[in-house]
Amino acid sequence: MMNNRISYKEFKSYPDFENREEAAKWLKEKYGEDFFFLRESMDDGEPLYHYDYVLDRETYDRMQEWKERNKSVLFPPWAPETKGFTDSFQEILIWDDGKVEVIGPSN
């Protein structure tokens, strides 16, 4: 199954969120099982939550298998066996205050 890349227009139509929980719940309801929490990092001393939105499940699963097999989160995007990995998902960032950023929205 394929999902369309989130567009800039779609991203700009998101409501304002009070906090991370509200944003994540709304996005989960909108995008379903293809939207999920990946990891937490720090952004200027603030927690930042990374989510993936899967666009191409088959390729995304191959990417996860490749990462496990190679024990690496990084992959060479130019290599034949990793072709399409970067296009198989979109990253969505959420801050505690409810700010959301969609990485690489389409026009």
PDB file of N, CA and C in Angstrom:
ATOM      1  N   MET A   1       0.836  -1.189   0.000  1.00  0.00           N
ATOM      2  CA  MET A   1       0.000   0.000   0.000  1.00  0.00           C
ATOM      3  C   MET A   1       0.878   1.249   0.000  1.00  0.00           C
ATOM      4  N   MET A   2       0.457   2.241  -0.735  1.00  0.00           N
ATOM      5  CA  MET A   2       1.221   3.482  -0.830  1.00  0.00           C
ATOM      6  C   MET A   2       0.393   4.637  -0.263  1.00  0.00           C
ATOM      7  N   ASN A   3       1.060   5.509   0.466  1.00  0.00           N
ATOM      8  CA  ASN A   3       0.448   6.747   0.940  1.00  0.00           C
ATOM      9  C   ASN A   3       1.088   7.906   0.195  1.00  0.00           C
ATOM     10  N   ASN A   4       0.323   8.964   0.009  1.00  0.00           N
ATOM     11  CA  ASN A   4       0.875  10.162  -0.618  1.00  0.00           C
ATOM     12  C   ASN A   4       1.722  10.932   0.381  1.00  0.00           C
ATOM     13  N   ARG A   5       2.789  11.517  -0.126  1.00  0.00           N
ATOM     14  CA  ARG A   5       3.632  12.387   0.698  1.00  0.00           C
ATOM     15  C   ARG A   5       2.762  13.540   1.210  1.00  0.00           C
ATOM     16  N   ILE A   6       2.951  13.904   2.459  1.00  0.00           N
ATOM     17  CA  ILE A   6       2.211  15.024   3.034  1.00  0.00           C
ATOM     18  C   ILE A   6       2.664  16.303   2.330  1.00  0.00           C
ATOM     19  N   SER A   7       1.701  17.050   1.832  1.00  0.00           N
ATOM     20  CA  SER A   7       2.028  18.277   1.103  1.00  0.00           C
ATOM     21  C   SER A   7       2.179  19.448   2.072  1.00  0.00           C
ATOM     22  N   TYR A   8       2.806  20.495   1.584  1.00  0.00           N
ATOM     23  CA  TYR A   8       2.955  21.713   2.378  1.00  0.00           C
ATOM     24  C   TYR A   8       1.572  22.270   2.727  1.00  0.00           C
ATOM     25  N   LYS A   9       0.660  22.243   1.755  1.00  0.00           N
ATOM     26  CA  LYS A   9      -0.700  22.749   1.962  1.00  0.00           C
ATOM     27  C   LYS A   9      -1.413  21.943   3.052  1.00  0.00           C
ATOM     28  N   GLU A  10      -1.275  20.619   2.990  1.00  0.00           N
ATOM     29  CA  GLU A  10      -1.898  19.750   3.995  1.00  0.00           C
ATOM     30  C   GLU A  10      -1.311  20.039   5.377  1.00  0.00           C
ATOM     31  N   PHE A  11       0.016  20.136   5.448  1.00  0.00           N
ATOM     32  CA  PHE A  11       0.699  20.423   6.707  1.00  0.00           C
ATOM     33  C   PHE A  11       0.228  21.754   7.295  1.00  0.00           C
ATOM     34  N   LYS A  12       0.088  22.773   6.450  1.00  0.00           N
ATOM     35  CA  LYS A  12      -0.335  24.096   6.913  1.00  0.00           C
ATOM     36  C   LYS A  12      -1.794  24.102   7.377  1.00  0.00           C
ATOM     37  N   SER A  13      -2.571  23.095   6.974  1.00  0.00           N
ATOM     38  CA  SER A  13      -3.975  23.029   7.380  1.00  0.00           C
ATOM     39  C   SER A  13      -4.156  22.323   8.729  1.00  0.00           C
ATOM     40  N   TYR A  14      -3.078  21.786   9.304  1.00  0.00           N
ATOM     41  CA  TYR A  14      -3.181  21.148  10.617  1.00  0.00           C
ATOM     42  C   TYR A  14      -3.666  22.184  11.636  1.00  0.00           C
ATOM     43  N   PRO A  15      -4.472  21.749  12.598  1.00  0.00           N
ATOM     44  CA  PRO A  15      -4.867  22.688  13.662  1.00  0.00           C
ATOM     45  C   PRO A  15      -3.681  22.986  14.583  1.00  0.00           C
ATOM     46  N   ASP A  16      -3.831  23.966  15.446  1.00  0.00           N
ATOM     47  CA  ASP A  16      -2.820  24.220  16.478  1.00  0.00           C
ATOM     48  C   ASP A  16      -3.038  23.217  17.601  1.00  0.00           C
ATOM     49  N   PHE A  17      -1.960  22.723  18.151  1.00  0.00           N
ATOM     50  CA  PHE A  17      -2.048  21.736  19.221  1.00  0.00           C
ATOM     51  C   PHE A  17      -1.540  22.333  20.523  1.00  0.00           C
ATOM     52  N   GLU A  18      -2.154  21.903  21.631  1.00  0.00           N
ATOM     53  CA  GLU A  18      -1.762  22.375  22.963  1.00  0.00           C
ATOM     54  C   GLU A  18      -0.453  21.744  23.432  1.00  0.00           C
ATOM     55  N   ASN A  19      -0.245  20.481  23.033  1.00  0.00           N
ATOM     56  CA  ASN A  19       0.926  19.748  23.517  1.00  0.00           C
ATOM     57  C   ASN A  19       1.231  18.571  22.592  1.00  0.00           C
ATOM     58  N   ARG A  20       2.305  17.877  22.909  1.00  0.00           N
ATOM     59  CA  ARG A  20       2.744  16.745  22.087  1.00  0.00           C
ATOM     60  C   ARG A  20       1.680  15.652  22.020  1.00  0.00           C
ATOM     61  N   GLU A  21       1.064  15.328  23.162  1.00  0.00           N
ATOM     62  CA  GLU A  21       0.076  14.245  23.211  1.00  0.00           C
ATOM     63  C   GLU A  21      -1.087  14.523  22.269  1.00  0.00           C
ATOM     64  N   GLU A  22      -1.581  15.758  22.300  1.00  0.00           N
ATOM     65  CA  GLU A  22      -2.698  16.140  21.436  1.00  0.00           C
ATOM     66  C   GLU A  22      -2.301  16.041  19.962  1.00  0.00           C
ATOM     67  N   ALA A  23      -1.106  16.523  19.637  1.00  0.00           N
ATOM     68  CA  ALA A  23      -0.624  16.472  18.252  1.00  0.00           C
ATOM     69  C   ALA A  23      -0.484  15.027  17.778  1.00  0.00           C
ATOM     70  N   ALA A  24       0.152  14.197  18.601  1.00  0.00           N
ATOM     71  CA  ALA A  24       0.376  12.799  18.223  1.00  0.00           C
ATOM     72  C   ALA A  24      -0.949  12.055  18.053  1.00  0.00           C
ATOM     73  N   LYS A  25      -1.903  12.308  18.931  1.00  0.00           N
ATOM     74  CA  LYS A  25      -3.215  11.652  18.857  1.00  0.00           C
ATOM     75  C   LYS A  25      -3.928  12.046  17.559  1.00  0.00           C
ATOM     76  N   TRP A  26      -3.914  13.340  17.236  1.00  0.00           N
ATOM     77  CA  TRP A  26      -4.573  13.823  16.025  1.00  0.00           C
ATOM     78  C   TRP A  26      -3.926  13.226  14.774  1.00  0.00           C
ATOM     79  N   LEU A  27      -2.591  13.214  14.750  1.00  0.00           N
ATOM     80  CA  LEU A  27      -1.871  12.668  13.597  1.00  0.00           C
ATOM     81  C   LEU A  27      -2.108  11.169  13.464  1.00  0.00           C
ATOM     82  N   LYS A  28      -2.185  10.458  14.593  1.00  0.00           N
ATOM     83  CA  LYS A  28      -2.444   9.015  14.578  1.00  0.00           C
ATOM     84  C   LYS A  28      -3.840   8.745  14.004  1.00  0.00           C
ATOM     85  N   GLU A  29      -4.814   9.558  14.415  1.00  0.00           N
ATOM     86  CA  GLU A  29      -6.177   9.400  13.889  1.00  0.00           C
ATOM     87  C   GLU A  29      -6.218   9.688  12.394  1.00  0.00           C
ATOM     88  N   LYS A  30      -5.439  10.655  11.955  1.00  0.00           N
ATOM     89  CA  LYS A  30      -5.420  11.041  10.542  1.00  0.00           C
ATOM     90  C   LYS A  30      -4.692  10.018   9.672  1.00  0.00           C
ATOM     91  N   TYR A  31      -3.532   9.527  10.143  1.00  0.00           N
ATOM     92  CA  TYR A  31      -2.676   8.688   9.301  1.00  0.00           C
ATOM     93  C   TYR A  31      -2.658   7.210   9.687  1.00  0.00           C
ATOM     94  N   GLY A  32      -3.282   6.858  10.794  1.00  0.00           N
ATOM     95  CA  GLY A  32      -3.425   5.453  11.160  1.00  0.00           C
ATOM     96  C   GLY A  32      -2.127   4.758  11.528  1.00  0.00           C
ATOM     97  N   GLU A  33      -2.079   3.461  11.230  1.00  0.00           N
ATOM     98  CA  GLU A  33      -0.943   2.632  11.653  1.00  0.00           C
ATOM     99  C   GLU A  33       0.356   2.977  10.939  1.00  0.00           C
ATOM    100  N   ASP A  34       0.284   3.768   9.882  1.00  0.00           N
ATOM    101  CA  ASP A  34       1.503   4.164   9.166  1.00  0.00           C
ATOM    102  C   ASP A  34       2.205   5.354   9.824  1.00  0.00           C
ATOM    103  N   PHE A  35       1.635   5.857  10.920  1.00  0.00           N
ATOM    104  CA  PHE A  35       2.253   6.941  11.692  1.00  0.00           C
ATOM    105  C   PHE A  35       2.607   6.389  13.059  1.00  0.00           C
ATOM    106  N   PHE A  36       3.876   6.479  13.429  1.00  0.00           N
ATOM    107  CA  PHE A  36       4.266   5.942  14.736  1.00  0.00           C
ATOM    108  C   PHE A  36       5.527   6.592  15.278  1.00  0.00           C
ATOM    109  N   PHE A  37       5.653   6.518  16.597  1.00  0.00           N
ATOM    110  CA  PHE A  37       6.791   7.090  17.313  1.00  0.00           C
ATOM    111  C   PHE A  37       8.047   6.301  17.005  1.00  0.00           C
ATOM    112  N   LEU A  38       9.133   7.025  16.766  1.00  0.00           N
ATOM    113  CA  LEU A  38      10.403   6.393  16.439  1.00  0.00           C
ATOM    114  C   LEU A  38      11.420   6.563  17.558  1.00  0.00           C
ATOM    115  N   ARG A  39      11.688   7.811  17.921  1.00  0.00           N
ATOM    116  CA  ARG A  39      12.711   8.051  18.948  1.00  0.00           C
ATOM    117  C   ARG A  39      12.580   9.466  19.496  1.00  0.00           C
ATOM    118  N   GLU A  40      13.281   9.685  20.599  1.00  0.00           N
ATOM    119  CA  GLU A  40      13.326  11.002  21.224  1.00  0.00           C
ATOM    120  C   GLU A  40      14.748  11.532  21.141  1.00  0.00           C
ATOM    121  N   SER A  41      14.889  12.821  20.917  1.00  0.00           N
ATOM    122  CA  SER A  41      16.208  13.456  20.947  1.00  0.00           C
ATOM    123  C   SER A  41      16.060  14.783  21.687  1.00  0.00           C
ATOM    124  N   MET A  42      17.121  15.557  21.724  1.00  0.00           N
ATOM    125  CA  MET A  42      17.071  16.865  22.373  1.00  0.00           C
ATOM    126  C   MET A  42      17.282  17.953  21.320  1.00  0.00           C
ATOM    127  N   ASP A  43      16.509  19.022  21.441  1.00  0.00           N
ATOM    128  CA  ASP A  43      16.629  20.169  20.549  1.00  0.00           C
ATOM    129  C   ASP A  43      16.795  21.406  21.417  1.00  0.00           C
ATOM    130  N   ASP A  44      18.020  21.877  21.529  1.00  0.00           N
ATOM    131  CA  ASP A  44      18.298  23.073  22.316  1.00  0.00           C
ATOM    132  C   ASP A  44      17.791  22.917  23.757  1.00  0.00           C
ATOM    133  N   GLY A  45      18.038  21.743  24.334  1.00  0.00           N
ATOM    134  CA  GLY A  45      17.634  21.474  25.709  1.00  0.00           C
ATOM    135  C   GLY A  45      16.196  21.029  25.880  1.00  0.00           C
ATOM    136  N   GLU A  46      15.441  21.009  24.789  1.00  0.00           N
ATOM    137  CA  GLU A  46      14.037  20.584  24.832  1.00  0.00           C
ATOM    138  C   GLU A  46      13.896  19.199  24.210  1.00  0.00           C
ATOM    139  N   PRO A  47      13.036  18.340  24.795  1.00  0.00           N
ATOM    140  CA  PRO A  47      12.803  17.042  24.152  1.00  0.00           C
ATOM    141  C   PRO A  47      12.121  17.229  22.790  1.00  0.00           C
ATOM    142  N   LEU A  48      12.561  16.441  21.842  1.00  0.00           N
ATOM    143  CA  LEU A  48      12.009  16.458  20.488  1.00  0.00           C
ATOM    144  C   LEU A  48      11.660  15.020  20.135  1.00  0.00           C
ATOM    145  N   TYR A  49      10.442  14.818  19.633  1.00  0.00           N
ATOM    146  CA  TYR A  49       9.946  13.474  19.361  1.00  0.00           C
ATOM    147  C   TYR A  49       9.863  13.253  17.858  1.00  0.00           C
ATOM    148  N   HIS A  50      10.513  12.184  17.414  1.00  0.00           N
ATOM    149  CA  HIS A  50      10.581  11.853  15.992  1.00  0.00           C
ATOM    150  C   HIS A  50       9.565  10.748  15.691  1.00  0.00           C
ATOM    151  N   TYR A  51       8.741  11.001  14.696  1.00  0.00           N
ATOM    152  CA  TYR A  51       7.764  10.021  14.234  1.00  0.00           C
ATOM    153  C   TYR A  51       8.032   9.745  12.764  1.00  0.00           C
ATOM    154  N   ASP A  52       7.685   8.544  12.331  1.00  0.00           N
ATOM    155  CA  ASP A  52       7.742   8.221  10.909  1.00  0.00           C
ATOM    156  C   ASP A  52       6.325   8.078  10.387  1.00  0.00           C
ATOM    157  N   TYR A  53       6.115   8.567   9.173  1.00  0.00           N
ATOM    158  CA  TYR A  53       4.881   8.328   8.434  1.00  0.00           C
ATOM    159  C   TYR A  53       5.292   7.527   7.207  1.00  0.00           C
ATOM    160  N   VAL A  54       4.861   6.276   7.161  1.00  0.00           N
ATOM    161  CA  VAL A  54       5.282   5.361   6.104  1.00  0.00           C
ATOM    162  C   VAL A  54       4.488   5.629   4.829  1.00  0.00           C
ATOM    163  N   LEU A  55       5.225   5.849   3.739  1.00  0.00           N
ATOM    164  CA  LEU A  55       4.607   6.094   2.436  1.00  0.00           C
ATOM    165  C   LEU A  55       4.550   4.810   1.616  1.00  0.00           C
ATOM    166  N   ASP A  56       5.582   3.990   1.722  1.00  0.00           N
ATOM    167  CA  ASP A  56       5.684   2.739   0.963  1.00  0.00           C
ATOM    168  C   ASP A  56       6.113   1.638   1.937  1.00  0.00           C
ATOM    169  N   ARG A  57       5.137   0.870   2.415  1.00  0.00           N
ATOM    170  CA  ARG A  57       5.370  -0.120   3.475  1.00  0.00           C
ATOM    171  C   ARG A  57       6.406  -1.168   3.067  1.00  0.00           C
ATOM    172  N   GLU A  58       6.320  -1.670   1.855  1.00  0.00           N
ATOM    173  CA  GLU A  58       7.241  -2.723   1.408  1.00  0.00           C
ATOM    174  C   GLU A  58       8.697  -2.240   1.455  1.00  0.00           C
ATOM    175  N   THR A  59       8.946  -1.062   0.905  1.00  0.00           N
ATOM    176  CA  THR A  59      10.305  -0.508   0.897  1.00  0.00           C
ATOM    177  C   THR A  59      10.743  -0.128   2.305  1.00  0.00           C
ATOM    178  N   TYR A  60       9.829   0.413   3.099  1.00  0.00           N
ATOM    179  CA  TYR A  60      10.148   0.790   4.480  1.00  0.00           C
ATOM    180  C   TYR A  60      10.572  -0.446   5.282  1.00  0.00           C
ATOM    181  N   ASP A  61       9.836  -1.546   5.116  1.00  0.00           N
ATOM    182  CA  ASP A  61      10.183  -2.793   5.815  1.00  0.00           C
ATOM    183  C   ASP A  61      11.546  -3.313   5.364  1.00  0.00           C
ATOM    184  N   ARG A  62      11.833  -3.200   4.057  1.00  0.00           N
ATOM    185  CA  ARG A  62      13.162  -3.602   3.555  1.00  0.00           C
ATOM    186  C   ARG A  62      14.249  -2.744   4.188  1.00  0.00           C
ATOM    187  N   MET A  63      13.971  -1.451   4.370  1.00  0.00           N
ATOM    188  CA  MET A  63      14.930  -0.547   4.998  1.00  0.00           C
ATOM    189  C   MET A  63      15.195  -0.972   6.445  1.00  0.00           C
ATOM    190  N   GLN A  64      14.133  -1.311   7.180  1.00  0.00           N
ATOM    191  CA  GLN A  64      14.298  -1.746   8.573  1.00  0.00           C
ATOM    192  C   GLN A  64      15.134  -3.028   8.638  1.00  0.00           C
ATOM    193  N   GLU A  65      14.859  -3.958   7.726  1.00  0.00           N
ATOM    194  CA  GLU A  65      15.632  -5.213   7.678  1.00  0.00           C
ATOM    195  C   GLU A  65      17.093  -4.927   7.358  1.00  0.00           C
ATOM    196  N   TRP A  66      17.347  -4.014   6.419  1.00  0.00           N
ATOM    197  CA  TRP A  66      18.717  -3.656   6.046  1.00  0.00           C
ATOM    198  C   TRP A  66      19.448  -3.064   7.246  1.00  0.00           C
ATOM    199  N   LYS A  67      18.773  -2.165   7.978  1.00  0.00           N
ATOM    200  CA  LYS A  67      19.378  -1.533   9.158  1.00  0.00           C
ATOM    201  C   LYS A  67      19.731  -2.581  10.216  1.00  0.00           C
ATOM    202  N   GLU A  68      18.826  -3.530  10.434  1.00  0.00           N
ATOM    203  CA  GLU A  68      19.085  -4.596  11.413  1.00  0.00           C
ATOM    204  C   GLU A  68      20.247  -5.468  10.977  1.00  0.00           C
ATOM    205  N   ARG A  69      20.217  -5.885   9.729  1.00  0.00           N
ATOM    206  CA  ARG A  69      21.248  -6.766   9.185  1.00  0.00           C
ATOM    207  C   ARG A  69      22.628  -6.111   9.255  1.00  0.00           C
ATOM    208  N   ASN A  70      22.677  -4.818   8.965  1.00  0.00           N
ATOM    209  CA  ASN A  70      23.946  -4.097   8.936  1.00  0.00           C
ATOM    210  C   ASN A  70      24.272  -3.389  10.255  1.00  0.00           C
ATOM    211  N   LYS A  71      23.379  -3.556  11.226  1.00  0.00           N
ATOM    212  CA  LYS A  71      23.550  -2.926  12.543  1.00  0.00           C
ATOM    213  C   LYS A  71      23.911  -1.438  12.411  1.00  0.00           C
ATOM    214  N   SER A  72      23.135  -0.761  11.584  1.00  0.00           N
ATOM    215  CA  SER A  72      23.382   0.657  11.324  1.00  0.00           C
ATOM    216  C   SER A  72      22.064   1.376  11.067  1.00  0.00           C
ATOM    217  N   VAL A  73      21.936   2.585  11.598  1.00  0.00           N
ATOM    218  CA  VAL A  73      20.739   3.379  11.293  1.00  0.00           C
ATOM    219  C   VAL A  73      20.954   4.200  10.026  1.00  0.00           C
ATOM    220  N   LEU A  74      22.215   4.323   9.625  1.00  0.00           N
ATOM    221  CA  LEU A  74      22.542   5.058   8.402  1.00  0.00           C
ATOM    222  C   LEU A  74      22.702   4.089   7.241  1.00  0.00           C
ATOM    223  N   PHE A  75      22.322   4.531   6.066  1.00  0.00           N
ATOM    224  CA  PHE A  75      22.468   3.678   4.881  1.00  0.00           C
ATOM    225  C   PHE A  75      22.928   4.532   3.706  1.00  0.00           C
ATOM    226  N   PRO A  76      23.653   3.919   2.763  1.00  0.00           N
ATOM    227  CA  PRO A  76      24.083   4.665   1.575  1.00  0.00           C
ATOM    228  C   PRO A  76      22.923   4.779   0.578  1.00  0.00           C
ATOM    229  N   PRO A  77      22.313   5.961   0.428  1.00  0.00           N
ATOM    230  CA  PRO A  77      21.142   6.089  -0.441  1.00  0.00           C
ATOM    231  C   PRO A  77      21.432   5.823  -1.919  1.00  0.00           C
ATOM    232  N   TRP A  78      22.717   5.845  -2.308  1.00  0.00           N
ATOM    233  CA  TRP A  78      23.082   5.637  -3.716  1.00  0.00           C
ATOM    234  C   TRP A  78      23.261   4.155  -4.054  1.00  0.00           C
ATOM    235  N   ALA A  79      23.324   3.295  -3.047  1.00  0.00           N
ATOM    236  CA  ALA A  79      23.560   1.870  -3.290  1.00  0.00           C
ATOM    237  C   ALA A  79      22.296   1.203  -3.836  1.00  0.00           C
ATOM    238  N   PRO A  80      22.465   0.260  -4.786  1.00  0.00           N
ATOM    239  CA  PRO A  80      21.295  -0.406  -5.379  1.00  0.00           C
ATOM    240  C   PRO A  80      20.374  -1.061  -4.344  1.00  0.00           C
ATOM    241  N   GLU A  81      20.957  -1.696  -3.307  1.00  0.00           N
ATOM    242  CA  GLU A  81      20.109  -2.408  -2.337  1.00  0.00           C
ATOM    243  C   GLU A  81      19.363  -1.462  -1.392  1.00  0.00           C
ATOM    244  N   THR A  82      19.729  -0.187  -1.380  1.00  0.00           N
ATOM    245  CA  THR A  82      19.020   0.770  -0.521  1.00  0.00           C
ATOM    246  C   THR A  82      18.221   1.793  -1.337  1.00  0.00           C
ATOM    247  N   LYS A  83      18.091   1.539  -2.619  1.00  0.00           N
ATOM    248  CA  LYS A  83      17.351   2.442  -3.511  1.00  0.00           C
ATOM    249  C   LYS A  83      15.904   2.598  -3.018  1.00  0.00           C
ATOM    250  N   GLY A  84      15.460   3.831  -2.936  1.00  0.00           N
ATOM    251  CA  GLY A  84      14.075   4.101  -2.546  1.00  0.00           C
ATOM    252  C   GLY A  84      13.840   4.219  -1.052  1.00  0.00           C
ATOM    253  N   PHE A  85      14.845   3.880  -0.237  1.00  0.00           N
ATOM    254  CA  PHE A  85      14.652   3.912   1.214  1.00  0.00           C
ATOM    255  C   PHE A  85      14.207   5.298   1.695  1.00  0.00           C
ATOM    256  N   THR A  86      14.895   6.344   1.232  1.00  0.00           N
ATOM    257  CA  THR A  86      14.580   7.691   1.729  1.00  0.00           C
ATOM    258  C   THR A  86      13.203   8.176   1.276  1.00  0.00           C
ATOM    259  N   ASP A  87      12.678   7.613   0.199  1.00  0.00           N
ATOM    260  CA  ASP A  87      11.350   8.006  -0.284  1.00  0.00           C
ATOM    261  C   ASP A  87      10.233   7.160   0.316  1.00  0.00           C
ATOM    262  N   SER A  88      10.577   6.198   1.181  1.00  0.00           N
ATOM    263  CA  SER A  88       9.567   5.280   1.706  1.00  0.00           C
ATOM    264  C   SER A  88       8.862   5.823   2.948  1.00  0.00           C
ATOM    265  N   PHE A  89       9.320   6.978   3.447  1.00  0.00           N
ATOM    266  CA  PHE A  89       8.700   7.542   4.646  1.00  0.00           C
ATOM    267  C   PHE A  89       8.921   9.049   4.698  1.00  0.00           C
ATOM    268  N   GLN A  90       8.169   9.684   5.570  1.00  0.00           N
ATOM    269  CA  GLN A  90       8.362  11.093   5.893  1.00  0.00           C
ATOM    270  C   GLN A  90       8.527  11.191   7.395  1.00  0.00           C
ATOM    271  N   GLU A  91       9.456  12.019   7.827  1.00  0.00           N
ATOM    272  CA  GLU A  91       9.644  12.211   9.262  1.00  0.00           C
ATOM    273  C   GLU A  91       8.792  13.388   9.725  1.00  0.00           C
ATOM    274  N   ILE A  92       8.155  13.210  10.873  1.00  0.00           N
ATOM    275  CA  ILE A  92       7.356  14.266  11.486  1.00  0.00           C
ATOM    276  C   ILE A  92       7.919  14.506  12.881  1.00  0.00           C
ATOM    277  N   LEU A  93       8.226  15.762  13.170  1.00  0.00           N
ATOM    278  CA  LEU A  93       8.790  16.128  14.469  1.00  0.00           C
ATOM    279  C   LEU A  93       7.723  16.810  15.308  1.00  0.00           C
ATOM    280  N   ILE A  94       7.686  16.461  16.601  1.00  0.00           N
ATOM    281  CA  ILE A  94       6.732  17.089  17.521  1.00  0.00           C
ATOM    282  C   ILE A  94       7.480  17.514  18.787  1.00  0.00           C
ATOM    283  N   TRP A  95       7.225  18.745  19.219  1.00  0.00           N
ATOM    284  CA  TRP A  95       7.789  19.258  20.464  1.00  0.00           C
ATOM    285  C   TRP A  95       6.739  19.164  21.561  1.00  0.00           C
ATOM    286  N   ASP A  96       7.185  19.271  22.826  1.00  0.00           N
ATOM    287  CA  ASP A  96       6.271  19.200  23.973  1.00  0.00           C
ATOM    288  C   ASP A  96       5.160  20.243  23.915  1.00  0.00           C
ATOM    289  N   ASP A  97       5.456  21.418  23.324  1.00  0.00           N
ATOM    290  CA  ASP A  97       4.454  22.495  23.279  1.00  0.00           C
ATOM    291  C   ASP A  97       3.443  22.325  22.141  1.00  0.00           C
ATOM    292  N   GLY A  98       3.533  21.187  21.422  1.00  0.00           N
ATOM    293  CA  GLY A  98       2.572  20.905  20.363  1.00  0.00           C
ATOM    294  C   GLY A  98       2.988  21.369  18.983  1.00  0.00           C
ATOM    295  N   LYS A  99       4.152  22.000  18.885  1.00  0.00           N
ATOM    296  CA  LYS A  99       4.648  22.413  17.561  1.00  0.00           C
ATOM    297  C   LYS A  99       4.946  21.160  16.738  1.00  0.00           C
ATOM    298  N   VAL A 100       4.541  21.187  15.473  1.00  0.00           N
ATOM    299  CA  VAL A 100       4.739  20.056  14.567  1.00  0.00           C
ATOM    300  C   VAL A 100       5.495  20.539  13.340  1.00  0.00           C
ATOM    301  N   GLU A 101       6.422  19.714  12.881  1.00  0.00           N
ATOM    302  CA  GLU A 101       7.117  20.010  11.629  1.00  0.00           C
ATOM    303  C   GLU A 101       7.156  18.748  10.783  1.00  0.00           C
ATOM    304  N   VAL A 102       6.709  18.876   9.536  1.00  0.00           N
ATOM    305  CA  VAL A 102       6.768  17.768   8.585  1.00  0.00           C
ATOM    306  C   VAL A 102       8.015  17.975   7.740  1.00  0.00           C
ATOM    307  N   ILE A 103       8.893  16.973   7.707  1.00  0.00           N
ATOM    308  CA  ILE A 103      10.134  17.071   6.950  1.00  0.00           C
ATOM    309  C   ILE A 103       9.869  16.728   5.481  1.00  0.00           C
ATOM    310  N   GLY A 104      10.336  17.598   4.602  1.00  0.00           N
ATOM    311  CA  GLY A 104      10.236  17.347   3.160  1.00  0.00           C
ATOM    312  C   GLY A 104       8.836  17.253   2.608  1.00  0.00           C
ATOM    313  N   PRO A 105       7.955  18.235   2.943  1.00  0.00           N
ATOM    314  CA  PRO A 105       6.613  18.173   2.357  1.00  0.00           C
ATOM    315  C   PRO A 105       6.668  18.388   0.851  1.00  0.00           C
ATOM    316  N   SER A 106       5.719  17.794   0.146  1.00  0.00           N
ATOM    317  CA  SER A 106       5.647  18.030  -1.301  1.00  0.00           C
ATOM    318  C   SER A 106       5.000  19.395  -1.524  1.00  0.00           C
ATOM    319  N   ASN A 107       5.128  19.903  -2.743  1.00  0.00           N
ATOM    320  CA  ASN A 107       4.557  21.225  -3.050  1.00  0.00           C
ATOM    321  C   ASN A 107       3.051  21.167  -3.188  1.00  0.00           C
TER     322      ASN A 107
END
